[in-house]
């Protein structure tokens, strides 16, 4: 007997967790970041980019793609992945759902700020200050929400969750382990390489807590909401709304 399709909030929650909505809702962040980063880097003596974007594009460059071809490749890979993940599902595309994702993410960004930032408020004094003008920081905030969520949430945490599931009867245990390990790797990644931040326990702890919150959000609500929450949180911070 076929079950009735979900309606109302149940339908919104179910459909917006899909890969289709993850890709489509992240598209505005992708376009906005690329446009803003090109603008702020025009004429700059030291062009800036989000570190995770550089890592991902360097990896894709191994295919022989360069410049704009890499952006096209990212879009194609995302579209193909969404198709295969949702090919057996009926996903309605509704404008109000996209508005809901943004509104929901604003709430989560504020909650994360109140819970995580206030929890480790004493640690902020030792976190390296932001560099660059406001427009540069806004561009990097949007890029971080997109590319860090793609790398650390979709590829890392999602991959770890799939890897751990066969070893646990309760899938929630696999998700919890993936979230904790993913948060640790997310935090430590900020200190790798010549452009990494100076290692300091307070900032490591803050980034672990922030990463853990985003991991839980990703596993519960999907990539689109996690990306928008991360981007909006960073925008609130660089504009001074949260210190």
C-alpha atoms as a PDB file:
ATOM      1  CA  UNK A   1       0.000   0.000   0.000  1.00  0.00           C
ATOM      2  CA  UNK A   2       1.437   3.341  -1.063  1.00  0.00           C
ATOM      3  CA  UNK A   3       1.861   5.897   1.718  1.00  0.00           C
ATOM      4  CA  UNK A   4       0.501   9.406   1.318  1.00  0.00           C
ATOM      5  CA  UNK A   5       3.076  11.999   0.210  1.00  0.00           C
ATOM      6  CA  UNK A   6       4.203  14.428   2.912  1.00  0.00           C
ATOM      7  CA  UNK A   7       2.622  17.860   3.083  1.00  0.00           C
ATOM      8  CA  UNK A   8       3.292  21.154   4.821  1.00  0.00           C
ATOM      9  CA  UNK A   9       6.375  21.355   7.010  1.00  0.00           C
ATOM     10  CA  UNK A  10       7.056  17.633   6.629  1.00  0.00           C
ATOM     11  CA  UNK A  11       7.252  18.038   2.866  1.00  0.00           C
ATOM     12  CA  UNK A  12       9.451  21.128   3.187  1.00  0.00           C
ATOM     13  CA  UNK A  13      11.836  19.374   5.581  1.00  0.00           C
ATOM     14  CA  UNK A  14      12.049  16.245   3.438  1.00  0.00           C
ATOM     15  CA  UNK A  15      12.477  17.861   0.047  1.00  0.00           C
ATOM     16  CA  UNK A  16      14.923  20.586   1.125  1.00  0.00           C
ATOM     17  CA  UNK A  17      17.275  17.910   2.494  1.00  0.00           C
ATOM     18  CA  UNK A  18      17.630  16.493  -1.016  1.00  0.00           C
ATOM     19  CA  UNK A  19      20.689  16.847  -3.217  1.00  0.00           C
ATOM     20  CA  UNK A  20      18.560  18.750  -5.738  1.00  0.00           C
ATOM     21  CA  UNK A  21      17.786  21.536  -3.299  1.00  0.00           C
ATOM     22  CA  UNK A  22      21.339  21.429  -1.975  1.00  0.00           C
ATOM     23  CA  UNK A  23      22.731  22.195  -5.427  1.00  0.00           C
ATOM     24  CA  UNK A  24      20.075  24.711  -6.471  1.00  0.00           C
ATOM     25  CA  UNK A  25      20.127  26.644  -3.201  1.00  0.00           C
ATOM     26  CA  UNK A  26      23.942  26.830  -3.277  1.00  0.00           C
ATOM     27  CA  UNK A  27      23.946  28.221  -6.824  1.00  0.00           C
ATOM     28  CA  UNK A  28      23.330  31.852  -5.726  1.00  0.00           C
ATOM     29  CA  UNK A  29      26.241  31.582  -3.261  1.00  0.00           C
ATOM     30  CA  UNK A  30      28.437  30.207  -6.055  1.00  0.00           C
ATOM     31  CA  UNK A  31      27.584  33.024  -8.488  1.00  0.00           C
ATOM     32  CA  UNK A  32      27.766  35.769  -5.844  1.00  0.00           C
ATOM     33  CA  UNK A  33      31.133  34.615  -4.525  1.00  0.00           C
ATOM     34  CA  UNK A  34      32.726  34.302  -7.947  1.00  0.00           C
ATOM     35  CA  UNK A  35      31.463  37.757  -8.957  1.00  0.00           C
ATOM     36  CA  UNK A  36      32.576  39.409  -5.708  1.00  0.00           C
ATOM     37  CA  UNK A  37      35.978  37.743  -5.567  1.00  0.00           C
ATOM     38  CA  UNK A  38      36.740  38.785  -9.139  1.00  0.00           C
ATOM     39  CA  UNK A  39      35.750  42.352  -8.242  1.00  0.00           C
ATOM     40  CA  UNK A  40      37.862  42.577  -5.077  1.00  0.00           C
ATOM     41  CA  UNK A  41      40.869  40.950  -6.792  1.00  0.00           C
ATOM     42  CA  UNK A  42      40.808  43.293  -9.789  1.00  0.00           C
ATOM     43  CA  UNK A  43      43.956  45.397  -9.540  1.00  0.00           C
ATOM     44  CA  UNK A  44      44.934  43.858  -6.197  1.00  0.00           C
ATOM     45  CA  UNK A  45      48.625  43.217  -5.589  1.00  0.00           C
ATOM     46  CA  UNK A  46      47.803  40.116  -3.549  1.00  0.00           C
ATOM     47  CA  UNK A  47      44.691  38.341  -4.851  1.00  0.00           C
ATOM     48  CA  UNK A  48      42.721  36.445  -2.229  1.00  0.00           C
ATOM     49  CA  UNK A  49      40.656  33.280  -2.391  1.00  0.00           C
ATOM     50  CA  UNK A  50      39.111  30.884   0.098  1.00  0.00           C
ATOM     51  CA  UNK A  51      41.664  28.195   0.965  1.00  0.00           C
ATOM     52  CA  UNK A  52      39.291  25.277   0.449  1.00  0.00           C
ATOM     53  CA  UNK A  53      38.359  26.635  -2.970  1.00  0.00           C
ATOM     54  CA  UNK A  54      42.030  26.594  -3.949  1.00  0.00           C
ATOM     55  CA  UNK A  55      42.415  23.000  -2.719  1.00  0.00           C
ATOM     56  CA  UNK A  56      39.365  21.805  -4.648  1.00  0.00           C
ATOM     57  CA  UNK A  57      40.293  23.659  -7.830  1.00  0.00           C
ATOM     58  CA  UNK A  58      43.879  22.387  -7.665  1.00  0.00           C
ATOM     59  CA  UNK A  59      42.455  18.875  -7.426  1.00  0.00           C
ATOM     60  CA  UNK A  60      40.157  19.456 -10.401  1.00  0.00           C
ATOM     61  CA  UNK A  61      43.045  21.034 -12.342  1.00  0.00           C
ATOM     62  CA  UNK A  62      44.613  17.578 -12.424  1.00  0.00           C
ATOM     63  CA  UNK A  63      41.954  16.708 -15.019  1.00  0.00           C
ATOM     64  CA  UNK A  64      43.481  19.302 -17.328  1.00  0.00           C
ATOM     65  CA  UNK A  65      40.751  21.910 -16.809  1.00  0.00           C
ATOM     66  CA  UNK A  66      41.786  25.508 -16.258  1.00  0.00           C
ATOM     67  CA  UNK A  67      40.116  28.788 -15.298  1.00  0.00           C
ATOM     68  CA  UNK A  68      36.481  28.986 -16.285  1.00  0.00           C
ATOM     69  CA  UNK A  69      36.469  25.330 -17.310  1.00  0.00           C
ATOM     70  CA  UNK A  70      36.968  24.372 -13.659  1.00  0.00           C
ATOM     71  CA  UNK A  71      33.874  26.378 -12.678  1.00  0.00           C
ATOM     72  CA  UNK A  72      31.886  24.616 -15.388  1.00  0.00           C
ATOM     73  CA  UNK A  73      33.254  21.266 -14.219  1.00  0.00           C
ATOM     74  CA  UNK A  74      32.177  21.984 -10.632  1.00  0.00           C
ATOM     75  CA  UNK A  75      28.665  22.854 -11.794  1.00  0.00           C
ATOM     76  CA  UNK A  76      28.435  19.767 -14.013  1.00  0.00           C
ATOM     77  CA  UNK A  77      29.686  17.416 -11.284  1.00  0.00           C
ATOM     78  CA  UNK A  78      27.201  18.893  -8.799  1.00  0.00           C
ATOM     79  CA  UNK A  79      24.309  18.572 -11.248  1.00  0.00           C
ATOM     80  CA  UNK A  80      25.201  14.972 -12.137  1.00  0.00           C
ATOM     81  CA  UNK A  81      25.570  14.031  -8.456  1.00  0.00           C
ATOM     82  CA  UNK A  82      22.175  15.545  -7.640  1.00  0.00           C
ATOM     83  CA  UNK A  83      20.588  13.685 -10.546  1.00  0.00           C
ATOM     84  CA  UNK A  84      21.900  10.287  -9.495  1.00  0.00           C
ATOM     85  CA  UNK A  85      21.139  10.818  -5.813  1.00  0.00           C
ATOM     86  CA  UNK A  86      17.552  11.925  -6.515  1.00  0.00           C
ATOM     87  CA  UNK A  87      16.775  10.012  -9.703  1.00  0.00           C
ATOM     88  CA  UNK A  88      14.299   7.715  -7.923  1.00  0.00           C
ATOM     89  CA  UNK A  89      12.571  10.559  -6.105  1.00  0.00           C
ATOM     90  CA  UNK A  90       9.992  13.143  -7.115  1.00  0.00           C
ATOM     91  CA  UNK A  91      11.404  16.476  -5.977  1.00  0.00           C
ATOM     92  CA  UNK A  92       9.095  19.467  -6.533  1.00  0.00           C
ATOM     93  CA  UNK A  93      10.975  22.724  -7.115  1.00  0.00           C
ATOM     94  CA  UNK A  94       9.127  25.488  -5.270  1.00  0.00           C
ATOM     95  CA  UNK A  95      10.180  29.085  -4.771  1.00  0.00           C
ATOM     96  CA  UNK A  96       8.824  29.239  -1.234  1.00  0.00           C
ATOM     97  CA  UNK A  97      11.110  26.364  -0.281  1.00  0.00           C
ATOM     98  CA  UNK A  98      14.174  28.381  -1.298  1.00  0.00           C
ATOM     99  CA  UNK A  99      12.912  31.336   0.727  1.00  0.00           C
ATOM    100  CA  UNK A 100      12.409  28.927   3.614  1.00  0.00           C
ATOM    101  CA  UNK A 101      15.992  27.689   3.346  1.00  0.00           C
ATOM    102  CA  UNK A 102      17.358  31.236   3.610  1.00  0.00           C
ATOM    103  CA  UNK A 103      15.031  32.159   6.476  1.00  0.00           C
ATOM    104  CA  UNK A 104      15.780  28.932   8.307  1.00  0.00           C
ATOM    105  CA  UNK A 105      19.516  29.477   7.844  1.00  0.00           C
ATOM    106  CA  UNK A 106      19.295  32.977   9.332  1.00  0.00           C
ATOM    107  CA  UNK A 107      17.759  31.476  12.463  1.00  0.00           C
ATOM    108  CA  UNK A 108      20.433  28.774  12.650  1.00  0.00           C
ATOM    109  CA  UNK A 109      23.213  31.326  12.130  1.00  0.00           C
ATOM    110  CA  UNK A 110      21.926  33.325  15.091  1.00  0.00           C
ATOM    111  CA  UNK A 111      21.533  30.196  17.214  1.00  0.00           C
ATOM    112  CA  UNK A 112      25.069  29.055  16.362  1.00  0.00           C
ATOM    113  CA  UNK A 113      26.376  32.501  17.248  1.00  0.00           C
ATOM    114  CA  UNK A 114      24.590  32.479  20.596  1.00  0.00           C
ATOM    115  CA  UNK A 115      25.515  28.916  21.513  1.00  0.00           C
ATOM    116  CA  UNK A 116      29.015  28.553  20.085  1.00  0.00           C
ATOM    117  CA  UNK A 117      30.338  32.105  20.122  1.00  0.00           C
ATOM    118  CA  UNK A 118      29.053  32.926  23.585  1.00  0.00           C
ATOM    119  CA  UNK A 119      30.135  29.535  24.905  1.00  0.00           C
ATOM    120  CA  UNK A 120      33.729  30.293  23.963  1.00  0.00           C
ATOM    121  CA  UNK A 121      33.507  34.092  24.079  1.00  0.00           C
ATOM    122  CA  UNK A 122      36.644  34.261  26.182  1.00  0.00           C
ATOM    123  CA  UNK A 123      38.556  32.651  23.328  1.00  0.00           C
ATOM    124  CA  UNK A 124      37.818  35.346  20.756  1.00  0.00           C
ATOM    125  CA  UNK A 125      40.544  37.630  22.064  1.00  0.00           C
ATOM    126  CA  UNK A 126      43.247  35.275  20.805  1.00  0.00           C
ATOM    127  CA  UNK A 127      41.766  34.503  17.404  1.00  0.00           C
ATOM    128  CA  UNK A 128      43.771  36.305  14.676  1.00  0.00           C
ATOM    129  CA  UNK A 129      42.027  39.513  13.572  1.00  0.00           C
ATOM    130  CA  UNK A 130      40.307  39.689  10.214  1.00  0.00           C
ATOM    131  CA  UNK A 131      42.408  41.009   7.352  1.00  0.00           C
ATOM    132  CA  UNK A 132      41.246  42.993   4.342  1.00  0.00           C
ATOM    133  CA  UNK A 133      38.459  45.477   3.737  1.00  0.00           C
ATOM    134  CA  UNK A 134      34.780  44.773   4.313  1.00  0.00           C
ATOM    135  CA  UNK A 135      34.014  43.756   0.720  1.00  0.00           C
ATOM    136  CA  UNK A 136      36.898  41.305   0.711  1.00  0.00           C
ATOM    137  CA  UNK A 137      35.716  39.780   3.972  1.00  0.00           C
ATOM    138  CA  UNK A 138      32.142  39.548   2.692  1.00  0.00           C
ATOM    139  CA  UNK A 139      33.340  37.751  -0.445  1.00  0.00           C
ATOM    140  CA  UNK A 140      35.439  35.337   1.616  1.00  0.00           C
ATOM    141  CA  UNK A 141      32.530  34.762   4.011  1.00  0.00           C
ATOM    142  CA  UNK A 142      30.264  33.678   1.165  1.00  0.00           C
ATOM    143  CA  UNK A 143      33.022  31.559  -0.359  1.00  0.00           C
ATOM    144  CA  UNK A 144      33.731  29.873   2.973  1.00  0.00           C
ATOM    145  CA  UNK A 145      30.061  29.000   3.363  1.00  0.00           C
ATOM    146  CA  UNK A 146      30.073  27.377  -0.064  1.00  0.00           C
ATOM    147  CA  UNK A 147      33.460  25.701  -0.443  1.00  0.00           C
ATOM    148  CA  UNK A 148      34.115  24.731   3.183  1.00  0.00           C
ATOM    149  CA  UNK A 149      30.697  23.117   3.401  1.00  0.00           C
ATOM    150  CA  UNK A 150      31.301  21.297   0.118  1.00  0.00           C
ATOM    151  CA  UNK A 151      34.669  19.951   1.251  1.00  0.00           C
ATOM    152  CA  UNK A 152      34.229  19.414   4.976  1.00  0.00           C
ATOM    153  CA  UNK A 153      30.528  18.603   5.199  1.00  0.00           C
ATOM    154  CA  UNK A 154      29.567  16.913   1.914  1.00  0.00           C
ATOM    155  CA  UNK A 155      32.816  15.146   1.053  1.00  0.00           C
ATOM    156  CA  UNK A 156      34.389  14.639   4.491  1.00  0.00           C
ATOM    157  CA  UNK A 157      31.500  14.192   6.940  1.00  0.00           C
ATOM    158  CA  UNK A 158      29.213  12.622   4.346  1.00  0.00           C
ATOM    159  CA  UNK A 159      31.981  10.244   3.318  1.00  0.00           C
ATOM    160  CA  UNK A 160      32.828   9.356   6.912  1.00  0.00           C
ATOM    161  CA  UNK A 161      29.176   8.687   7.697  1.00  0.00           C
ATOM    162  CA  UNK A 162      28.914   6.264   4.759  1.00  0.00           C
ATOM    163  CA  UNK A 163      32.201   4.633   5.795  1.00  0.00           C
ATOM    164  CA  UNK A 164      31.143   4.123   9.422  1.00  0.00           C
ATOM    165  CA  UNK A 165      27.538   2.961   8.835  1.00  0.00           C
ATOM    166  CA  UNK A 166      28.376  -0.714   8.158  1.00  0.00           C
ATOM    167  CA  UNK A 167      30.131  -0.926  11.531  1.00  0.00           C
ATOM    168  CA  UNK A 168      27.161   0.259  13.617  1.00  0.00           C
ATOM    169  CA  UNK A 169      23.703  -1.229  14.041  1.00  0.00           C
ATOM    170  CA  UNK A 170      22.478   2.244  14.946  1.00  0.00           C
ATOM    171  CA  UNK A 171      23.214   4.677  12.112  1.00  0.00           C
ATOM    172  CA  UNK A 172      23.013   7.596  14.538  1.00  0.00           C
ATOM    173  CA  UNK A 173      26.210   6.342  16.182  1.00  0.00           C
ATOM    174  CA  UNK A 174      27.954   6.405  12.809  1.00  0.00           C
ATOM    175  CA  UNK A 175      26.702   9.939  12.174  1.00  0.00           C
ATOM    176  CA  UNK A 176      27.856  11.093  15.620  1.00  0.00           C
ATOM    177  CA  UNK A 177      31.334   9.661  15.108  1.00  0.00           C
ATOM    178  CA  UNK A 178      31.541  11.230  11.645  1.00  0.00           C
ATOM    179  CA  UNK A 179      30.431  14.591  13.066  1.00  0.00           C
ATOM    180  CA  UNK A 180      33.029  14.573  15.855  1.00  0.00           C
ATOM    181  CA  UNK A 181      35.924  13.390  13.682  1.00  0.00           C
ATOM    182  CA  UNK A 182      34.917  15.754  10.894  1.00  0.00           C
ATOM    183  CA  UNK A 183      34.848  18.697  13.321  1.00  0.00           C
ATOM    184  CA  UNK A 184      38.358  17.867  14.533  1.00  0.00           C
ATOM    185  CA  UNK A 185      39.700  17.697  10.971  1.00  0.00           C
ATOM    186  CA  UNK A 186      37.837  20.897  10.034  1.00  0.00           C
ATOM    187  CA  UNK A 187      39.474  22.725  12.920  1.00  0.00           C
ATOM    188  CA  UNK A 188      42.987  21.391  12.303  1.00  0.00           C
ATOM    189  CA  UNK A 189      42.808  22.151   8.568  1.00  0.00           C
ATOM    190  CA  UNK A 190      42.944  25.883   9.360  1.00  0.00           C
ATOM    191  CA  UNK A 191      46.540  25.478  10.598  1.00  0.00           C
ATOM    192  CA  UNK A 192      47.965  23.533   7.640  1.00  0.00           C
ATOM    193  CA  UNK A 193      50.361  24.994   5.115  1.00  0.00           C
ATOM    194  CA  UNK A 194      52.244  28.287   4.855  1.00  0.00           C
ATOM    195  CA  UNK A 195      49.008  30.316   4.895  1.00  0.00           C
ATOM    196  CA  UNK A 196      47.593  28.498   7.917  1.00  0.00           C
ATOM    197  CA  UNK A 197      46.869  30.335  11.161  1.00  0.00           C
ATOM    198  CA  UNK A 198      49.249  30.066  14.116  1.00  0.00           C
ATOM    199  CA  UNK A 199      48.244  27.045  16.177  1.00  0.00           C
ATOM    200  CA  UNK A 200      46.473  28.075  19.385  1.00  0.00           C
ATOM    201  CA  UNK A 201      44.285  25.918  21.625  1.00  0.00           C
ATOM    202  CA  UNK A 202      41.545  28.543  22.086  1.00  0.00           C
ATOM    203  CA  UNK A 203      40.983  29.022  18.354  1.00  0.00           C
ATOM    204  CA  UNK A 204      41.222  25.259  17.764  1.00  0.00           C
ATOM    205  CA  UNK A 205      38.503  24.741  20.360  1.00  0.00           C
ATOM    206  CA  UNK A 206      36.266  27.403  18.843  1.00  0.00           C
ATOM    207  CA  UNK A 207      36.609  25.991  15.344  1.00  0.00           C
ATOM    208  CA  UNK A 208      35.940  22.477  16.606  1.00  0.00           C
ATOM    209  CA  UNK A 209      32.713  23.611  18.288  1.00  0.00           C
ATOM    210  CA  UNK A 210      31.695  25.598  15.193  1.00  0.00           C
ATOM    211  CA  UNK A 211      32.487  22.681  12.902  1.00  0.00           C
ATOM    212  CA  UNK A 212      30.560  20.264  15.119  1.00  0.00           C
ATOM    213  CA  UNK A 213      27.479  22.502  14.996  1.00  0.00           C
ATOM    214  CA  UNK A 214      27.673  22.672  11.198  1.00  0.00           C
ATOM    215  CA  UNK A 215      28.220  18.918  10.931  1.00  0.00           C
ATOM    216  CA  UNK A 216      25.081  18.208  12.940  1.00  0.00           C
ATOM    217  CA  UNK A 217      23.171  20.736  10.848  1.00  0.00           C
ATOM    218  CA  UNK A 218      24.395  19.158   7.610  1.00  0.00           C
ATOM    219  CA  UNK A 219      23.461  15.629   8.681  1.00  0.00           C
ATOM    220  CA  UNK A 220      20.042  16.811   9.827  1.00  0.00           C
ATOM    221  CA  UNK A 221      19.109  19.423   7.196  1.00  0.00           C
ATOM    222  CA  UNK A 222      21.427  18.868   4.241  1.00  0.00           C
ATOM    223  CA  UNK A 223      24.034  20.823   2.285  1.00  0.00           C
ATOM    224  CA  UNK A 224      21.949  23.835   1.249  1.00  0.00           C
ATOM    225  CA  UNK A 225      20.963  24.854   4.766  1.00  0.00           C
ATOM    226  CA  UNK A 226      24.473  24.201   6.110  1.00  0.00           C
ATOM    227  CA  UNK A 227      26.086  26.320   3.369  1.00  0.00           C
ATOM    228  CA  UNK A 228      23.707  29.233   3.852  1.00  0.00           C
ATOM    229  CA  UNK A 229      24.026  29.055   7.649  1.00  0.00           C
ATOM    230  CA  UNK A 230      27.829  29.127   7.446  1.00  0.00           C
ATOM    231  CA  UNK A 231      27.857  32.002   4.948  1.00  0.00           C
ATOM    232  CA  UNK A 232      25.307  34.070   6.873  1.00  0.00           C
ATOM    233  CA  UNK A 233      27.086  33.454  10.175  1.00  0.00           C
ATOM    234  CA  UNK A 234      30.382  34.682   8.700  1.00  0.00           C
ATOM    235  CA  UNK A 235      28.653  37.720   7.175  1.00  0.00           C
ATOM    236  CA  UNK A 236      27.143  38.575  10.560  1.00  0.00           C
ATOM    237  CA  UNK A 237      30.578  38.351  12.160  1.00  0.00           C
ATOM    238  CA  UNK A 238      32.465  40.466   9.603  1.00  0.00           C
ATOM    239  CA  UNK A 239      29.759  43.149   9.627  1.00  0.00           C
ATOM    240  CA  UNK A 240      30.063  43.388  13.410  1.00  0.00           C
ATOM    241  CA  UNK A 241      26.623  42.024  14.273  1.00  0.00           C
ATOM    242  CA  UNK A 242      28.236  39.375  16.513  1.00  0.00           C
ATOM    243  CA  UNK A 243      31.382  41.128  17.640  1.00  0.00           C
END
